[in-house]
Amino acid sequence: MKNFIRCALALAAAWTLAQVNSISFAQILDEGGGGRRDVVLTIHADGSCEVQNLSVMSRPVLEQQLRMMEMEQKMEEAGEGGDMTQMANLQAQAKTNTFTDEELKEKYIALTERQSSMMEEDTAKPNVVVDKDHVTVTAKMSFASIKEMLQNRTAPGLVESSFLYIQNMRFEQDTNGHLMLTLSPNPWLKRQMKSMRTQWKMTGISGELKFVFPGKVLSSGLPETQTNATWITVDSKKDESLDALAKLYDGPVVITAEPAGLTLKEPLELSKLRPRNGRTGEMGGDLPITEGATGFIAQAEGISTTTLHVFPGGESYFKEGNMPFGGQAGTMVHAKLFAPKGRSLQSVTDVKLLAATDDKGRPVAAGKNEEGEEMNSYAYVQSGMDEGQETAGAEMQLRLELPQPDAQAIDEVSAEAVAVTAGSWKEMTLTNITETSTNEFDIGAALPGAKLVLSKITMKNNMLSMQGKMIGPATVKNLTIQVKIPGREQRNYFNFSGGNVSAKDGETTRGFNVNGSVFNMNGEKSPGSYQLLIRYPEDLKRERVNFKLKGLDLL
């Protein structure tokens, strides 16, 4: 194995504070337009919950952002064929266009719908009120359970505010049966508090973050508590308000409340329920885990080590919160996991390092972050390709600490993971799909009682994008889609990604996106019509896989 040693002295670092649910609101703050954001998370005794969001934005700044986004979209549509005069005209239009109240409202709603579509999530349509100086947006999302909320890609971002950036949320019941919520703010921002306070004051933000529980709040790390509610109110014009906010970044914020009948069977944690690749409702995710799986093959692909050398005088740089270019010091083992013969991997989750030793028999610990917590290892299965891609295996990365300086190899790595594999498939094909095919299709031949709705098909710069949803029984989340181009025998590089899964009145809905290039290997464009191969796995297994990697040379 080749050893890659990267020694870095970090000279600068950048951090972008982005909010997943409302890019426009973050842009308003960046432009110094001020604003207010109130967020309320309410948890009910039956486990259902809802997130309510109110945002007040500066109208002039929002208008400017929308103009610039329109200009960028038009320039993109003009493509390489647009000349310099055309580009200049588009820029001039972006500066001079004015919007009526109704136009501004429609454009903002269209923006949020486009963002929601890109994230493959179903979100409630916001209520937008426009006046002379401000744009006020209210939105509400409801969920059948806490777990469903945490799995939704946009909901945790709604709980975030413009001043408290939450890295993780954990719901559990303590030894007394009380409901306990632990909020873990981003620890890196604690070291940036001086610059953060300056930013908050410059933008003039304000807002409130409130949690409402089914029972009485017994203790809270938030400043204000009354009966079953606890909250923090921030006004960046008041130093005492910012002092209270800064304290929240000192460590996890813990809230304990009476359950009032609410029971959690197990802890629910954002970092574990939301996969690294962002997809929810993974195929086979609700199946019981079978122990002692056989036939899997693990193969080491490489190993890299990252060391950090701080030159004299550089300590102060890192104390100010700057990040090293080379990343955190440690060892990364790259590997692949292959399914047993005749089966294909659909997902690999819960990758965990069990043990590792160097060539001298000394243990090598699992990698830890700056807070001393064990860093997650992870795996990625590329989905949605044609059948020839299904044997490619899952890419895995295992994080370790640096071995001793005199070590020449990592002798053995023991690890485990949970793998979902499929055997036989039930298939059907939809033909003659074009850019105008925004219809409902019966796909009961693949899964009885299921239907597919295509909501949008676009073709830009020779890239095809399809958006839609599949509706039917709970197992609709196990369906996959492959794009076929008539007359082509070679592989079609289209990626299928499933979005949020929701259930209502006994019916399950799963959003999806399909994206890819319409060129074939010879550079020829597609004929303009496509086929959709709908596949349903008739034999799914969810198994815990134990594997070992040996002889990873460091020299």
Protein backbone atom coordinates (compact mmCIF):
# COMPACT_ATOMS: atom_id res chain seq x y z
CA MET A 1 0.00 0.00 0.00
CA LYS A 2 1.13 3.49 -0.70
CA ASN A 3 1.44 5.87 2.18
CA PHE A 4 0.31 9.44 1.69
CA ILE A 5 1.67 11.78 4.37
CA ARG A 6 0.39 15.31 4.24
CA CYS A 7 2.02 17.88 6.51
CA ALA A 8 0.12 21.14 6.57
CA LEU A 9 0.45 24.57 8.16
CA ALA A 10 -2.94 26.21 7.92
CA LEU A 11 -2.72 29.84 6.88
CA ALA A 12 -6.40 30.68 6.47
CA ALA A 13 -9.82 29.08 6.70
CA ALA A 14 -13.35 29.94 5.65
CA TRP A 15 -16.62 28.98 7.17
CA THR A 16 -19.98 29.41 5.46
CA LEU A 17 -23.00 29.59 7.70
CA ALA A 18 -25.85 28.16 5.66
CA GLN A 19 -29.39 27.33 6.63
CA VAL A 20 -30.89 24.43 4.73
CA ASN A 21 -34.47 25.58 4.82
CA SER A 22 -34.24 29.17 3.62
CA ILE A 23 -31.26 30.28 1.59
CA SER A 24 -32.85 33.64 1.02
CA PHE A 25 -33.06 34.37 4.74
CA ALA A 26 -29.35 33.64 5.19
CA GLN A 27 -28.57 35.87 2.21
CA ILE A 28 -30.60 38.68 3.75
CA LEU A 29 -28.46 38.49 6.87
CA ASP A 30 -25.24 38.36 4.84
CA GLU A 31 -26.27 41.52 3.02
CA GLY A 32 -26.82 43.34 6.30
CA GLY A 33 -30.57 43.51 5.83
CA GLY A 34 -31.32 42.46 9.39
CA GLY A 35 -34.34 40.34 10.06
CA ARG A 36 -36.18 38.34 12.68
CA ARG A 37 -36.71 34.63 12.92
CA ASP A 38 -38.95 32.87 15.43
CA VAL A 39 -38.99 29.07 15.59
CA VAL A 40 -41.27 26.91 17.75
CA LEU A 41 -40.92 23.11 18.00
CA THR A 42 -43.97 21.53 19.68
CA ILE A 43 -43.95 17.90 20.80
CA HIS A 44 -47.27 16.22 21.63
CA ALA A 45 -48.04 13.37 24.02
CA ASP A 46 -48.70 10.95 21.12
CA GLY A 47 -45.19 11.60 19.75
CA SER A 48 -46.31 13.76 16.85
CA CYS A 49 -44.64 17.14 16.50
CA GLU A 50 -44.69 20.29 14.46
CA VAL A 51 -42.25 23.06 13.59
CA GLN A 52 -43.52 26.61 13.12
CA ASN A 53 -41.30 29.22 11.55
CA LEU A 54 -41.73 32.98 11.18
CA SER A 55 -39.17 35.03 9.26
CA VAL A 56 -39.21 38.78 8.70
CA MET A 57 -36.86 39.95 5.95
CA SER A 58 -35.87 43.28 4.46
CA ARG A 59 -37.79 43.78 1.23
CA PRO A 60 -35.10 45.77 -0.65
CA VAL A 61 -32.42 43.16 0.06
CA LEU A 62 -34.70 40.24 -0.81
CA GLU A 63 -35.66 41.93 -4.08
CA GLN A 64 -32.01 42.37 -5.00
CA GLN A 65 -31.28 38.70 -4.24
CA LEU A 66 -34.18 37.56 -6.41
CA ARG A 67 -33.05 39.81 -9.28
CA MET A 68 -29.54 38.38 -9.15
CA MET A 69 -30.85 34.81 -9.08
CA GLU A 70 -33.05 35.50 -12.10
CA MET A 71 -30.08 36.94 -13.94
CA GLU A 72 -27.96 33.87 -13.17
CA GLN A 73 -30.73 31.58 -14.38
CA LYS A 74 -31.12 33.49 -17.66
CA MET A 75 -27.36 33.51 -18.22
CA GLU A 76 -27.31 29.77 -17.63
CA GLU A 77 -30.12 29.25 -20.13
CA ALA A 78 -28.27 31.44 -22.66
CA GLY A 79 -25.31 29.08 -22.29
CA GLU A 80 -22.19 29.34 -24.38
CA GLY A 81 -24.18 30.83 -27.25
CA GLY A 82 -24.89 34.06 -25.33
CA ASP A 83 -22.68 36.93 -26.49
CA MET A 84 -21.22 39.66 -24.27
CA THR A 85 -23.94 42.18 -25.25
CA GLN A 86 -26.63 39.73 -24.21
CA MET A 87 -24.90 39.14 -20.88
CA ALA A 88 -24.58 42.88 -20.26
CA ASN A 89 -28.29 43.36 -20.98
CA LEU A 90 -29.17 40.64 -18.49
CA GLN A 91 -27.03 42.30 -15.82
CA ALA A 92 -28.67 45.67 -16.51
CA GLN A 93 -32.11 44.12 -16.21
CA ALA A 94 -31.18 42.58 -12.86
CA LYS A 95 -30.39 46.05 -11.49
CA THR A 96 -33.47 47.81 -12.82
CA ASN A 97 -36.30 45.26 -12.55
CA THR A 98 -38.93 46.16 -9.99
CA PHE A 99 -41.51 43.84 -8.48
CA THR A 100 -45.07 44.48 -7.42
CA ASP A 101 -46.16 43.03 -4.09
CA GLU A 102 -47.78 40.07 -5.82
CA GLU A 103 -44.78 39.45 -8.10
CA LEU A 104 -42.41 39.45 -5.14
CA LYS A 105 -44.64 37.01 -3.29
CA GLU A 106 -44.88 34.65 -6.27
CA LYS A 107 -41.15 34.74 -6.93
CA TYR A 108 -40.29 33.97 -3.32
CA ILE A 109 -42.71 31.03 -3.22
CA ALA A 110 -41.25 29.73 -6.51
CA LEU A 111 -37.76 29.98 -4.99
CA THR A 112 -38.69 27.94 -1.92
CA GLU A 113 -40.44 25.33 -4.07
CA ARG A 114 -37.35 25.02 -6.27
CA GLN A 115 -35.12 24.58 -3.21
CA SER A 116 -37.48 21.97 -1.79
CA SER A 117 -37.44 20.09 -5.08
CA MET A 118 -33.65 20.11 -5.20
CA MET A 119 -33.56 18.62 -1.71
CA GLU A 120 -36.19 16.03 -2.65
CA GLU A 121 -38.38 16.97 0.30
CA ASP A 122 -42.07 17.76 0.58
CA THR A 123 -42.50 21.02 2.50
CA ALA A 124 -45.54 23.06 3.35
CA LYS A 125 -46.25 26.03 1.10
CA PRO A 126 -45.25 29.19 3.03
CA ASN A 127 -47.61 32.05 3.74
CA VAL A 128 -45.99 35.24 2.44
CA VAL A 129 -47.09 38.76 3.36
CA VAL A 130 -45.44 41.71 1.60
CA ASP A 131 -45.51 45.34 2.69
CA LYS A 132 -43.50 48.43 1.83
CA ASP A 133 -40.38 47.54 3.82
CA HIS A 134 -40.58 43.89 4.81
CA VAL A 135 -41.47 40.39 3.68
CA THR A 136 -42.97 38.18 6.39
CA VAL A 137 -42.98 34.42 5.83
CA THR A 138 -44.70 31.87 8.05
CA ALA A 139 -44.48 28.13 7.53
CA LYS A 140 -45.47 25.01 9.43
CA MET A 141 -44.39 21.40 9.06
CA SER A 142 -46.14 18.54 10.88
CA PHE A 143 -44.78 15.05 11.51
CA ALA A 144 -46.30 11.85 12.82
CA SER A 145 -43.32 11.20 15.08
CA ILE A 146 -40.07 12.67 16.38
CA LYS A 147 -38.18 10.12 14.33
CA GLU A 148 -39.90 11.23 11.13
CA MET A 149 -38.99 14.84 11.89
CA LEU A 150 -35.32 14.02 12.45
CA GLN A 151 -35.19 11.99 9.24
CA ASN A 152 -36.61 14.85 7.22
CA ARG A 153 -33.79 16.79 5.60
CA THR A 154 -35.31 20.23 6.06
CA ALA A 155 -36.93 19.97 9.51
CA PRO A 156 -33.75 20.05 11.65
CA GLY A 157 -32.75 23.18 9.74
CA LEU A 158 -36.07 24.73 10.67
CA VAL A 159 -35.26 24.16 14.34
CA GLU A 160 -32.01 26.00 13.83
CA SER A 161 -32.27 29.74 14.18
CA SER A 162 -30.23 32.57 12.72
CA PHE A 163 -28.14 32.57 15.89
CA LEU A 164 -28.00 28.98 17.22
CA TYR A 165 -26.42 26.46 14.85
CA ILE A 166 -27.25 22.94 16.05
CA GLN A 167 -24.90 20.12 15.10
CA ASN A 168 -26.92 17.35 16.70
CA MET A 169 -30.25 16.72 18.46
CA ARG A 170 -30.96 13.75 20.72
CA PHE A 171 -34.30 12.75 22.25
CA GLU A 172 -34.39 10.09 24.97
CA GLN A 173 -35.90 9.14 28.31
CA ASP A 174 -33.69 9.26 31.39
CA THR A 175 -33.62 6.74 34.23
CA ASN A 176 -36.61 8.45 35.83
CA GLY A 177 -38.65 8.20 32.64
CA HIS A 178 -38.44 11.94 31.97
CA LEU A 179 -38.20 13.18 28.41
CA MET A 180 -34.74 14.62 27.74
CA LEU A 181 -33.66 16.68 24.75
CA THR A 182 -29.97 17.40 24.19
CA LEU A 183 -28.98 20.10 21.72
CA SER A 184 -25.34 20.14 20.63
CA PRO A 185 -24.36 23.49 19.09
CA ASN A 186 -21.55 23.47 16.57
CA PRO A 187 -18.44 23.45 18.84
CA TRP A 188 -16.21 25.13 16.28
CA LEU A 189 -18.30 28.29 16.48
CA LYS A 190 -17.44 28.71 20.16
CA ARG A 191 -13.93 29.69 19.11
CA GLN A 192 -15.44 32.14 16.63
CA MET A 193 -17.63 33.86 19.20
CA LYS A 194 -15.88 37.23 18.95
CA SER A 195 -16.42 37.48 15.20
CA MET A 196 -19.89 35.97 15.54
CA ARG A 197 -20.97 38.66 17.99
CA THR A 198 -19.67 41.31 15.61
CA GLN A 199 -21.65 39.77 12.77
CA TRP A 200 -24.83 39.57 14.85
CA LYS A 201 -24.56 43.23 15.81
CA MET A 202 -23.84 44.35 12.25
CA THR A 203 -26.81 42.47 10.80
CA GLY A 204 -29.12 43.52 13.61
CA ILE A 205 -30.83 40.15 13.87
CA SER A 206 -33.38 39.16 16.49
CA GLY A 207 -35.55 36.17 17.14
CA GLU A 208 -36.75 33.45 19.44
CA LEU A 209 -36.19 29.70 19.63
CA LYS A 210 -38.82 27.87 21.70
CA PHE A 211 -39.51 24.23 22.60
CA VAL A 212 -42.95 23.14 23.84
CA PHE A 213 -43.24 19.72 25.53
CA PRO A 214 -46.29 17.59 26.40
CA GLY A 215 -45.47 17.89 30.13
CA LYS A 216 -43.95 20.41 32.50
CA VAL A 217 -40.34 21.46 31.89
CA LEU A 218 -38.31 20.36 34.91
CA SER A 219 -34.93 21.82 33.96
CA SER A 220 -33.54 23.67 30.96
CA GLY A 221 -30.28 25.01 29.64
CA LEU A 222 -32.23 27.78 27.89
CA PRO A 223 -32.67 31.10 29.75
CA GLU A 224 -36.49 31.19 29.93
CA THR A 225 -38.95 28.56 31.16
CA GLN A 226 -42.69 28.61 31.85
CA THR A 227 -44.82 25.51 32.52
CA ASN A 228 -44.25 23.21 29.50
CA ALA A 229 -42.25 25.68 27.36
CA THR A 230 -38.62 26.82 27.38
CA TRP A 231 -36.93 29.32 25.08
CA ILE A 232 -34.28 31.91 24.34
CA THR A 233 -35.01 35.36 22.92
CA VAL A 234 -32.18 37.21 21.20
CA ASP A 235 -31.84 40.90 20.44
CA SER A 236 -28.43 41.67 18.95
CA LYS A 237 -28.70 45.28 20.12
CA LYS A 238 -28.52 44.14 23.76
CA ASP A 239 -25.21 42.84 25.14
CA GLU A 240 -26.91 40.85 27.91
CA SER A 241 -28.91 39.02 25.25
CA LEU A 242 -25.76 38.09 23.34
CA ASP A 243 -24.08 37.02 26.61
CA ALA A 244 -26.88 34.54 27.25
CA LEU A 245 -26.58 33.25 23.69
CA ALA A 246 -22.80 32.85 23.95
CA LYS A 247 -23.23 30.59 27.01
CA LEU A 248 -25.18 28.08 24.93
CA TYR A 249 -22.03 27.38 22.91
CA ASP A 250 -20.11 26.31 26.05
CA GLY A 251 -21.53 22.80 25.80
CA PRO A 252 -24.64 20.73 25.13
CA VAL A 253 -27.96 22.33 26.06
CA VAL A 254 -30.04 19.82 28.03
CA ILE A 255 -33.80 20.13 28.58
CA THR A 256 -35.75 17.72 30.80
CA ALA A 257 -39.55 17.57 30.89
CA GLU A 258 -42.32 15.35 32.21
CA PRO A 259 -43.32 12.84 29.47
CA ALA A 260 -47.10 13.24 30.01
CA GLY A 261 -47.65 9.81 28.46
CA LEU A 262 -45.01 10.05 25.73
CA THR A 263 -42.79 6.96 25.53
CA LEU A 264 -39.64 6.54 23.47
CA LYS A 265 -38.60 2.94 22.84
CA GLU A 266 -35.04 4.02 22.10
CA PRO A 267 -32.98 7.21 21.87
CA LEU A 268 -33.57 9.20 18.68
CA GLU A 269 -30.54 11.08 17.40
CA LEU A 270 -30.24 13.33 14.36
CA SER A 271 -26.68 12.26 13.48
CA LYS A 272 -27.71 8.60 13.33
CA LEU A 273 -31.14 8.93 11.73
CA ARG A 274 -30.08 11.17 8.87
CA PRO A 275 -27.66 9.26 6.59
CA ARG A 276 -24.46 10.90 5.36
CA ASN A 277 -25.74 11.02 1.78
CA GLY A 278 -28.88 12.78 3.02
CA ARG A 279 -31.40 10.20 1.87
CA THR A 280 -34.19 9.06 4.16
CA GLY A 281 -36.43 6.03 3.99
CA GLU A 282 -33.59 3.76 2.88
CA MET A 283 -34.55 0.47 1.25
CA GLY A 284 -34.99 -2.23 3.86
CA GLY A 285 -34.37 0.18 6.73
CA ASP A 286 -37.30 -1.21 8.73
CA LEU A 287 -36.26 -4.87 8.42
CA PRO A 288 -34.88 -6.69 11.50
CA ILE A 289 -31.12 -7.13 11.50
CA THR A 290 -29.91 -10.68 10.99
CA GLU A 291 -26.64 -11.50 12.74
CA GLY A 292 -23.80 -13.58 11.40
CA ALA A 293 -24.00 -12.74 7.70
CA THR A 294 -21.77 -14.78 5.37
CA GLY A 295 -20.54 -14.40 1.80
CA PHE A 296 -19.55 -10.72 2.06
CA ILE A 297 -16.06 -9.72 0.94
CA ALA A 298 -14.14 -6.72 2.26
CA GLN A 299 -11.18 -5.40 0.31
CA ALA A 300 -8.68 -2.72 1.34
CA GLU A 301 -8.24 0.02 -1.26
CA GLY A 302 -5.68 2.25 0.40
CA ILE A 303 -4.60 4.05 3.53
CA SER A 304 -3.69 7.69 4.14
CA THR A 305 -2.32 9.50 7.15
CA THR A 306 -2.61 13.19 7.92
CA THR A 307 -0.18 14.88 10.29
CA LEU A 308 -0.19 18.49 11.39
CA HIS A 309 2.96 20.44 12.16
CA VAL A 310 2.54 23.80 13.84
CA PHE A 311 5.50 26.12 13.39
CA PRO A 312 6.58 28.45 16.21
CA GLY A 313 4.04 31.20 16.68
CA GLY A 314 1.28 29.23 14.95
CA GLU A 315 -0.44 28.12 18.16
CA SER A 316 -2.26 31.43 18.49
CA TYR A 317 -3.70 30.99 15.01
CA PHE A 318 -5.47 27.77 15.99
CA LYS A 319 -6.58 29.16 19.34
CA GLU A 320 -8.58 31.71 17.36
CA GLY A 321 -10.57 28.86 15.85
CA ASN A 322 -8.97 28.58 12.41
CA MET A 323 -9.04 25.20 10.71
CA PRO A 324 -6.02 23.43 9.18
CA PHE A 325 -6.02 22.94 5.42
CA GLY A 326 -4.99 19.30 5.73
CA GLY A 327 -7.86 18.39 8.00
CA GLN A 328 -7.55 16.78 11.41
CA ALA A 329 -4.56 14.57 12.09
CA GLY A 330 -5.32 10.87 11.85
CA THR A 331 -5.47 7.78 9.63
CA MET A 332 -8.06 6.99 7.00
CA VAL A 333 -8.50 3.42 5.75
CA HIS A 334 -10.25 3.19 2.39
CA ALA A 335 -12.00 -0.10 1.61
CA LYS A 336 -14.80 -1.71 -0.36
CA LEU A 337 -17.49 -4.13 0.73
CA PHE A 338 -18.95 -6.55 -1.80
CA ALA A 339 -22.23 -8.45 -1.47
CA PRO A 340 -22.48 -12.25 -1.62
CA LYS A 341 -22.72 -13.79 -5.09
CA GLY A 342 -26.11 -13.27 -6.68
CA ARG A 343 -27.03 -10.32 -4.48
CA SER A 344 -26.54 -6.54 -4.81
CA LEU A 345 -25.82 -3.97 -2.13
CA GLN A 346 -28.53 -1.37 -1.58
CA SER A 347 -27.15 0.40 1.47
CA VAL A 348 -24.40 0.09 4.06
CA THR A 349 -24.87 1.90 7.37
CA ASP A 350 -23.66 1.88 10.98
CA VAL A 351 -20.03 1.31 10.01
CA LYS A 352 -18.10 0.87 13.24
CA LEU A 353 -14.43 0.25 13.97
CA LEU A 354 -14.05 -2.61 16.48
CA ALA A 355 -10.27 -2.84 16.82
CA ALA A 356 -7.02 -2.11 15.01
CA THR A 357 -3.39 -3.05 15.65
CA ASP A 358 -0.09 -2.04 14.08
CA ASP A 359 2.69 -4.40 12.94
CA LYS A 360 4.11 -4.49 16.48
CA GLY A 361 0.82 -5.62 18.00
CA ARG A 362 -0.01 -2.23 19.53
CA PRO A 363 -3.62 -1.04 19.41
CA VAL A 364 -4.57 1.90 17.20
CA ALA A 365 -7.58 3.74 18.59
CA ALA A 366 -10.58 4.97 16.64
CA GLY A 367 -10.26 8.54 15.41
CA LYS A 368 -11.64 11.28 17.65
CA ASN A 369 -12.65 14.84 16.96
CA GLU A 370 -11.46 17.89 18.88
CA GLU A 371 -14.13 17.30 21.53
CA GLY A 372 -12.85 13.76 22.21
CA GLU A 373 -15.82 12.07 20.58
CA GLU A 374 -15.30 9.06 18.32
CA MET A 375 -15.53 10.09 14.67
CA ASN A 376 -18.04 8.27 12.48
CA SER A 377 -16.82 5.90 9.83
CA TYR A 378 -19.09 5.71 6.82
CA ALA A 379 -19.93 3.93 3.59
CA TYR A 380 -21.51 4.96 0.31
CA VAL A 381 -23.41 2.82 -2.17
CA GLN A 382 -23.90 4.39 -5.57
CA SER A 383 -27.54 3.79 -6.47
CA GLY A 384 -29.66 4.14 -9.55
CA MET A 385 -27.12 2.94 -12.13
CA ASP A 386 -27.92 0.10 -14.47
CA GLU A 387 -27.47 -3.54 -13.60
CA GLY A 388 -23.79 -3.55 -14.47
CA GLN A 389 -23.07 -1.12 -11.64
CA GLU A 390 -24.72 -3.16 -8.91
CA THR A 391 -21.63 -5.28 -8.31
CA ALA A 392 -19.35 -2.26 -7.81
CA GLY A 393 -19.42 -2.58 -4.02
CA ALA A 394 -19.76 0.01 -1.29
CA GLU A 395 -17.03 2.57 -0.70
CA MET A 396 -16.05 2.66 2.99
CA GLN A 397 -13.82 4.91 5.06
CA LEU A 398 -12.65 3.95 8.54
CA ARG A 399 -11.15 6.64 10.76
CA LEU A 400 -8.27 5.83 13.12
CA GLU A 401 -5.81 7.77 15.22
CA LEU A 402 -2.25 8.09 14.00
CA PRO A 403 -0.17 4.94 14.71
CA GLN A 404 3.11 5.12 16.63
CA PRO A 405 5.93 6.82 14.64
CA ASP A 406 7.91 3.57 14.28
CA ALA A 407 4.94 1.58 12.93
CA GLN A 408 5.38 0.33 9.39
CA ALA A 409 1.90 -1.04 8.83
CA ILE A 410 -1.60 -1.38 10.22
CA ASP A 411 -1.54 -5.13 10.69
CA GLU A 412 -5.27 -5.70 11.13
CA VAL A 413 -8.49 -3.72 11.22
CA SER A 414 -11.69 -5.29 12.55
CA ALA A 415 -14.98 -3.57 11.82
CA GLU A 416 -18.68 -4.14 11.38
CA ALA A 417 -21.52 -2.65 9.33
CA VAL A 418 -25.19 -3.18 8.60
CA ALA A 419 -25.81 -4.07 4.94
CA VAL A 420 -29.06 -4.28 2.99
CA THR A 421 -28.89 -6.53 -0.06
CA ALA A 422 -31.36 -7.55 -2.74
CA GLY A 423 -31.67 -10.83 -4.61
CA SER A 424 -34.31 -11.22 -7.31
CA TRP A 425 -36.21 -8.24 -8.77
CA LYS A 426 -39.68 -7.67 -10.14
CA GLU A 427 -39.56 -5.23 -13.08
CA MET A 428 -41.71 -3.21 -15.45
CA THR A 429 -40.90 -0.56 -18.08
CA LEU A 430 -42.58 2.77 -18.85
CA THR A 431 -41.95 3.80 -22.46
CA ASN A 432 -41.96 7.02 -24.48
CA ILE A 433 -41.18 9.34 -21.57
CA THR A 434 -40.50 12.89 -22.80
CA GLU A 435 -40.11 16.38 -21.33
CA THR A 436 -43.89 16.79 -21.43
CA SER A 437 -44.60 13.53 -19.60
CA THR A 438 -45.84 14.95 -16.31
CA ASN A 439 -48.49 12.29 -15.80
CA GLU A 440 -49.53 9.63 -13.33
CA PHE A 441 -48.53 6.05 -14.16
CA ASP A 442 -49.78 2.77 -12.73
CA ILE A 443 -46.74 0.74 -11.66
CA GLY A 444 -48.69 -2.08 -10.03
CA ALA A 445 -46.90 -4.62 -12.22
CA ALA A 446 -43.79 -3.95 -10.13
CA LEU A 447 -45.57 -3.35 -6.81
CA PRO A 448 -49.34 -3.87 -6.53
CA GLY A 449 -51.17 -0.72 -5.50
CA ALA A 450 -48.30 1.63 -6.42
CA LYS A 451 -48.32 4.58 -8.81
CA LEU A 452 -45.69 6.99 -10.08
CA VAL A 453 -46.23 10.72 -10.63
CA LEU A 454 -43.76 12.69 -12.76
CA SER A 455 -43.93 16.33 -11.70
CA LYS A 456 -41.08 17.82 -13.72
CA ILE A 457 -38.72 16.79 -16.51
CA THR A 458 -36.05 19.23 -17.69
CA MET A 459 -33.21 19.16 -20.18
CA LYS A 460 -30.41 21.72 -19.78
CA ASN A 461 -26.91 21.61 -21.22
CA ASN A 462 -27.50 17.99 -22.26
CA MET A 463 -28.32 16.99 -18.69
CA LEU A 464 -31.64 15.28 -18.02
CA SER A 465 -33.41 15.75 -14.69
CA MET A 466 -36.62 14.07 -13.57
CA GLN A 467 -38.53 14.81 -10.40
CA GLY A 468 -41.56 13.06 -9.01
CA LYS A 469 -42.96 10.80 -6.33
CA MET A 470 -44.09 7.22 -5.86
CA ILE A 471 -47.28 6.53 -3.91
CA GLY A 472 -48.58 3.24 -2.56
CA PRO A 473 -48.06 0.74 0.28
CA ALA A 474 -45.29 1.19 2.87
CA THR A 475 -42.88 -0.86 0.73
CA VAL A 476 -43.02 1.81 -2.00
CA LYS A 477 -39.76 3.09 -0.49
CA ASN A 478 -38.05 -0.04 -1.83
CA LEU A 479 -38.75 0.83 -5.48
CA THR A 480 -35.89 2.04 -7.67
CA ILE A 481 -35.88 3.73 -11.08
CA GLN A 482 -33.43 3.38 -13.94
CA VAL A 483 -33.44 5.47 -17.12
CA LYS A 484 -32.97 3.68 -20.42
CA ILE A 485 -32.36 5.33 -23.77
CA PRO A 486 -33.80 3.33 -26.69
CA GLY A 487 -31.16 1.93 -29.03
CA ARG A 488 -28.33 2.10 -26.52
CA GLU A 489 -26.76 -1.04 -25.17
CA GLN A 490 -24.00 0.52 -23.08
CA ARG A 491 -24.37 1.77 -19.54
CA ASN A 492 -26.58 4.74 -18.85
CA TYR A 493 -25.09 6.98 -16.20
CA PHE A 494 -28.23 8.25 -14.52
CA ASN A 495 -28.34 8.55 -10.77
CA PHE A 496 -31.54 7.80 -8.86
CA SER A 497 -31.96 9.30 -5.40
CA GLY A 498 -34.98 8.81 -3.20
CA GLY A 499 -36.23 11.71 -1.11
CA ASN A 500 -38.27 11.94 2.05
CA VAL A 501 -40.77 9.22 2.88
CA SER A 502 -44.07 10.23 4.50
CA ALA A 503 -47.20 8.32 5.42
CA LYS A 504 -50.79 9.54 5.73
CA ASP A 505 -54.10 7.67 5.91
CA GLY A 506 -52.40 4.34 5.23
CA GLU A 507 -50.67 5.61 2.08
CA THR A 508 -46.91 6.13 1.76
CA THR A 509 -45.30 8.75 -0.49
CA ARG A 510 -41.66 8.87 -1.51
CA GLY A 511 -40.12 11.69 -3.52
CA PHE A 512 -37.32 11.03 -5.99
CA ASN A 513 -34.88 12.62 -8.42
CA VAL A 514 -33.21 11.09 -11.46
CA ASN A 515 -30.28 12.95 -13.03
CA GLY A 516 -27.75 12.18 -15.74
CA SER A 517 -26.20 12.97 -19.09
CA VAL A 518 -28.03 12.21 -22.35
CA PHE A 519 -24.79 11.64 -24.30
CA ASN A 520 -23.71 8.12 -25.05
CA MET A 521 -20.13 6.90 -25.28
CA ASN A 522 -19.87 8.18 -28.86
CA GLY A 523 -21.05 11.68 -27.93
CA GLU A 524 -24.42 11.27 -29.62
CA LYS A 525 -27.45 13.00 -28.12
CA SER A 526 -30.49 11.05 -27.06
CA PRO A 527 -33.51 10.88 -29.39
CA GLY A 528 -35.64 12.84 -26.89
CA SER A 529 -37.68 9.98 -25.47
CA TYR A 530 -36.73 7.65 -22.65
CA GLN A 531 -37.76 4.52 -20.86
CA LEU A 532 -38.10 4.13 -17.10
CA LEU A 533 -37.28 0.73 -15.68
CA ILE A 534 -39.17 0.32 -12.38
CA ARG A 535 -37.64 -2.33 -10.12
CA TYR A 536 -38.86 -3.85 -6.86
CA PRO A 537 -36.70 -6.23 -4.78
CA GLU A 538 -38.57 -9.43 -3.90
CA ASP A 539 -35.84 -10.73 -1.60
CA LEU A 540 -34.37 -8.16 0.80
CA LYS A 541 -32.01 -8.91 3.66
CA ARG A 542 -30.63 -6.62 6.35
CA GLU A 543 -27.56 -8.15 7.94
CA ARG A 544 -24.78 -7.24 10.35
CA VAL A 545 -21.47 -7.86 8.62
CA ASN A 546 -18.18 -8.36 10.47
CA PHE A 547 -15.03 -8.03 8.41
CA LYS A 548 -11.27 -7.70 8.71
CA LEU A 549 -8.64 -5.89 6.67
CA LYS A 550 -5.02 -6.98 6.96
CA GLY A 551 -1.55 -5.81 5.96
CA LEU A 552 -2.05 -2.09 5.31
CA ASP A 553 1.48 -0.84 4.64
CA LEU A 554 2.43 2.62 5.88
CA LEU A 555 5.71 2.73 3.92
